[in-house]
């Protein structure tokens, strides 16, 4: 599974600087997912950043040119989207999206554990 290793390193370093986070990395969503406190927080999918944020902000973010909603089977997943690599090059934009993910994480619902 190919994904942007430099972007993954940026996310890893950003999260490592925040005390008190339980961070786990998992290969999923065609890339690398960063789980924060046992909940999906942010991913690197191919060369894009996949973000999880407050669904109440979805319509606002949908108007931004840097945002592409996550869809599957014609369904839009509110609270999830992709950010093109062109829009996370600057530290300001990267930090904005990382903060959206981290701000929502305490309220995000954890996925159920799969039974073995």
C-alpha atoms as a PDB file:
ATOM      1  CA  UNK A   1       0.000   0.000   0.000  1.00  0.00           C
ATOM      2  CA  UNK A   2       1.652   3.177  -1.193  1.00  0.00           C
ATOM      3  CA  UNK A   3       1.203   6.404   0.722  1.00  0.00           C
ATOM      4  CA  UNK A   4       3.137   9.636   1.224  1.00  0.00           C
ATOM      5  CA  UNK A   5       5.817   8.757   3.777  1.00  0.00           C
ATOM      6  CA  UNK A   6       6.810  12.403   4.305  1.00  0.00           C
ATOM      7  CA  UNK A   7       3.239  13.367   5.153  1.00  0.00           C
ATOM      8  CA  UNK A   8       3.024  10.390   7.533  1.00  0.00           C
ATOM      9  CA  UNK A   9       6.239  11.570   9.211  1.00  0.00           C
ATOM     10  CA  UNK A  10       4.808  15.100   9.584  1.00  0.00           C
ATOM     11  CA  UNK A  11       1.647  13.780  11.200  1.00  0.00           C
ATOM     12  CA  UNK A  12       3.638  11.452  13.456  1.00  0.00           C
ATOM     13  CA  UNK A  13       5.905  14.304  14.614  1.00  0.00           C
ATOM     14  CA  UNK A  14       2.946  16.655  15.183  1.00  0.00           C
ATOM     15  CA  UNK A  15       1.127  14.100  17.326  1.00  0.00           C
ATOM     16  CA  UNK A  16       4.281  13.141  19.236  1.00  0.00           C
ATOM     17  CA  UNK A  17       4.615  16.743  20.456  1.00  0.00           C
ATOM     18  CA  UNK A  18       1.243  16.628  22.229  1.00  0.00           C
ATOM     19  CA  UNK A  19       1.450  15.124  25.719  1.00  0.00           C
ATOM     20  CA  UNK A  20      -1.130  12.645  26.943  1.00  0.00           C
ATOM     21  CA  UNK A  21      -2.211  11.175  23.608  1.00  0.00           C
ATOM     22  CA  UNK A  22      -2.400   7.419  23.129  1.00  0.00           C
ATOM     23  CA  UNK A  23      -1.306   7.066  19.487  1.00  0.00           C
ATOM     24  CA  UNK A  24      -1.461   3.908  17.410  1.00  0.00           C
ATOM     25  CA  UNK A  25      -0.717   3.544  13.700  1.00  0.00           C
ATOM     26  CA  UNK A  26      -2.706   1.117  11.544  1.00  0.00           C
ATOM     27  CA  UNK A  27      -2.586   0.383   7.852  1.00  0.00           C
ATOM     28  CA  UNK A  28      -6.096   0.986   6.558  1.00  0.00           C
ATOM     29  CA  UNK A  29      -8.028   3.279   4.154  1.00  0.00           C
ATOM     30  CA  UNK A  30      -5.394   2.561   1.471  1.00  0.00           C
ATOM     31  CA  UNK A  31      -2.741   4.108   3.677  1.00  0.00           C
ATOM     32  CA  UNK A  32      -1.714   4.755   7.244  1.00  0.00           C
ATOM     33  CA  UNK A  33      -4.273   5.690   9.901  1.00  0.00           C
ATOM     34  CA  UNK A  34      -3.339   7.448  13.120  1.00  0.00           C
ATOM     35  CA  UNK A  35      -5.580   6.335  15.942  1.00  0.00           C
ATOM     36  CA  UNK A  36      -5.705   8.772  18.872  1.00  0.00           C
ATOM     37  CA  UNK A  37      -7.093   7.460  22.133  1.00  0.00           C
ATOM     38  CA  UNK A  38      -8.400   4.381  20.291  1.00  0.00           C
ATOM     39  CA  UNK A  39     -10.318   6.433  17.699  1.00  0.00           C
ATOM     40  CA  UNK A  40      -9.531   7.104  14.056  1.00  0.00           C
ATOM     41  CA  UNK A  41      -8.199  10.661  13.924  1.00  0.00           C
ATOM     42  CA  UNK A  42      -6.275  11.338  10.704  1.00  0.00           C
ATOM     43  CA  UNK A  43      -4.885   9.265   7.833  1.00  0.00           C
ATOM     44  CA  UNK A  44      -2.482   9.399   4.956  1.00  0.00           C
ATOM     45  CA  UNK A  45      -4.267   7.869   1.985  1.00  0.00           C
ATOM     46  CA  UNK A  46      -2.106   7.849  -1.127  1.00  0.00           C
ATOM     47  CA  UNK A  47      -0.776  11.395  -1.301  1.00  0.00           C
ATOM     48  CA  UNK A  48      -3.770  12.932   0.466  1.00  0.00           C
ATOM     49  CA  UNK A  49      -4.537  13.626   4.094  1.00  0.00           C
ATOM     50  CA  UNK A  50      -7.824  12.074   5.191  1.00  0.00           C
ATOM     51  CA  UNK A  51      -9.332  14.024   8.067  1.00  0.00           C
ATOM     52  CA  UNK A  52     -12.024  13.259  10.634  1.00  0.00           C
ATOM     53  CA  UNK A  53     -13.716  16.339  12.084  1.00  0.00           C
ATOM     54  CA  UNK A  54     -16.911  17.598  13.676  1.00  0.00           C
ATOM     55  CA  UNK A  55     -19.735  16.642  11.267  1.00  0.00           C
ATOM     56  CA  UNK A  56     -21.462  19.959  12.092  1.00  0.00           C
ATOM     57  CA  UNK A  57     -18.655  21.668  10.137  1.00  0.00           C
ATOM     58  CA  UNK A  58     -19.056  19.516   7.025  1.00  0.00           C
ATOM     59  CA  UNK A  59     -21.047  22.015   4.946  1.00  0.00           C
ATOM     60  CA  UNK A  60     -18.616  24.807   5.832  1.00  0.00           C
ATOM     61  CA  UNK A  61     -15.613  22.716   4.827  1.00  0.00           C
ATOM     62  CA  UNK A  62     -17.348  21.487   1.655  1.00  0.00           C
ATOM     63  CA  UNK A  63     -17.174  25.068   0.348  1.00  0.00           C
ATOM     64  CA  UNK A  64     -13.374  25.125   0.638  1.00  0.00           C
ATOM     65  CA  UNK A  65     -11.302  24.349  -2.441  1.00  0.00           C
ATOM     66  CA  UNK A  66      -8.811  22.300  -0.393  1.00  0.00           C
ATOM     67  CA  UNK A  67     -11.498  19.841   0.754  1.00  0.00           C
ATOM     68  CA  UNK A  68     -13.018  16.827  -0.985  1.00  0.00           C
ATOM     69  CA  UNK A  69     -15.734  14.925   0.907  1.00  0.00           C
ATOM     70  CA  UNK A  70     -15.291  11.229   1.562  1.00  0.00           C
ATOM     71  CA  UNK A  71     -17.770   9.194  -0.447  1.00  0.00           C
ATOM     72  CA  UNK A  72     -18.411   5.507  -0.891  1.00  0.00           C
ATOM     73  CA  UNK A  73     -21.120   3.933  -2.981  1.00  0.00           C
ATOM     74  CA  UNK A  74     -22.548   7.373  -3.722  1.00  0.00           C
ATOM     75  CA  UNK A  75     -22.914   8.163  -0.008  1.00  0.00           C
ATOM     76  CA  UNK A  76     -21.175  11.192   1.494  1.00  0.00           C
ATOM     77  CA  UNK A  77     -19.658  10.538   4.905  1.00  0.00           C
ATOM     78  CA  UNK A  78     -20.141  13.712   6.927  1.00  0.00           C
ATOM     79  CA  UNK A  79     -17.243  14.446   9.212  1.00  0.00           C
ATOM     80  CA  UNK A  80     -14.690  12.875   6.882  1.00  0.00           C
ATOM     81  CA  UNK A  81     -12.817  14.274   3.919  1.00  0.00           C
ATOM     82  CA  UNK A  82      -9.633  14.426   1.905  1.00  0.00           C
ATOM     83  CA  UNK A  83      -7.167  17.281   1.689  1.00  0.00           C
ATOM     84  CA  UNK A  84      -5.044  17.556  -1.433  1.00  0.00           C
ATOM     85  CA  UNK A  85      -1.258  17.605  -0.896  1.00  0.00           C
ATOM     86  CA  UNK A  86      -1.153  21.116  -2.393  1.00  0.00           C
ATOM     87  CA  UNK A  87      -3.129  22.360   0.601  1.00  0.00           C
ATOM     88  CA  UNK A  88      -1.066  20.918   3.432  1.00  0.00           C
ATOM     89  CA  UNK A  89       2.333  22.117   2.261  1.00  0.00           C
ATOM     90  CA  UNK A  90       2.194  25.211   4.431  1.00  0.00           C
ATOM     91  CA  UNK A  91       2.543  24.701   8.159  1.00  0.00           C
ATOM     92  CA  UNK A  92      -0.484  26.945   8.734  1.00  0.00           C
ATOM     93  CA  UNK A  93      -2.801  24.790   6.585  1.00  0.00           C
ATOM     94  CA  UNK A  94      -1.377  21.528   7.922  1.00  0.00           C
ATOM     95  CA  UNK A  95      -1.860  22.729  11.509  1.00  0.00           C
ATOM     96  CA  UNK A  96      -5.433  23.879  10.756  1.00  0.00           C
ATOM     97  CA  UNK A  97      -6.489  20.423   9.587  1.00  0.00           C
ATOM     98  CA  UNK A  98      -4.598  18.582  12.328  1.00  0.00           C
ATOM     99  CA  UNK A  99      -6.290  20.768  14.928  1.00  0.00           C
ATOM    100  CA  UNK A 100      -9.740  20.071  13.429  1.00  0.00           C
ATOM    101  CA  UNK A 101      -9.056  16.345  13.817  1.00  0.00           C
ATOM    102  CA  UNK A 102      -7.730  16.653  17.360  1.00  0.00           C
ATOM    103  CA  UNK A 103     -10.505  19.012  18.485  1.00  0.00           C
ATOM    104  CA  UNK A 104     -13.143  16.486  17.443  1.00  0.00           C
ATOM    105  CA  UNK A 105     -11.337  13.384  18.705  1.00  0.00           C
ATOM    106  CA  UNK A 106     -12.583  13.535  22.337  1.00  0.00           C
ATOM    107  CA  UNK A 107     -16.200  13.564  21.065  1.00  0.00           C
ATOM    108  CA  UNK A 108     -15.685  11.074  18.233  1.00  0.00           C
ATOM    109  CA  UNK A 109     -17.312   7.712  18.573  1.00  0.00           C
ATOM    110  CA  UNK A 110     -14.900   4.806  18.725  1.00  0.00           C
ATOM    111  CA  UNK A 111     -15.605   1.951  16.365  1.00  0.00           C
ATOM    112  CA  UNK A 112     -16.662  -1.253  18.011  1.00  0.00           C
ATOM    113  CA  UNK A 113     -13.964  -3.832  18.666  1.00  0.00           C
ATOM    114  CA  UNK A 114     -14.123  -6.790  16.308  1.00  0.00           C
ATOM    115  CA  UNK A 115     -14.618 -10.140  17.969  1.00  0.00           C
ATOM    116  CA  UNK A 116     -11.998 -12.760  17.201  1.00  0.00           C
END
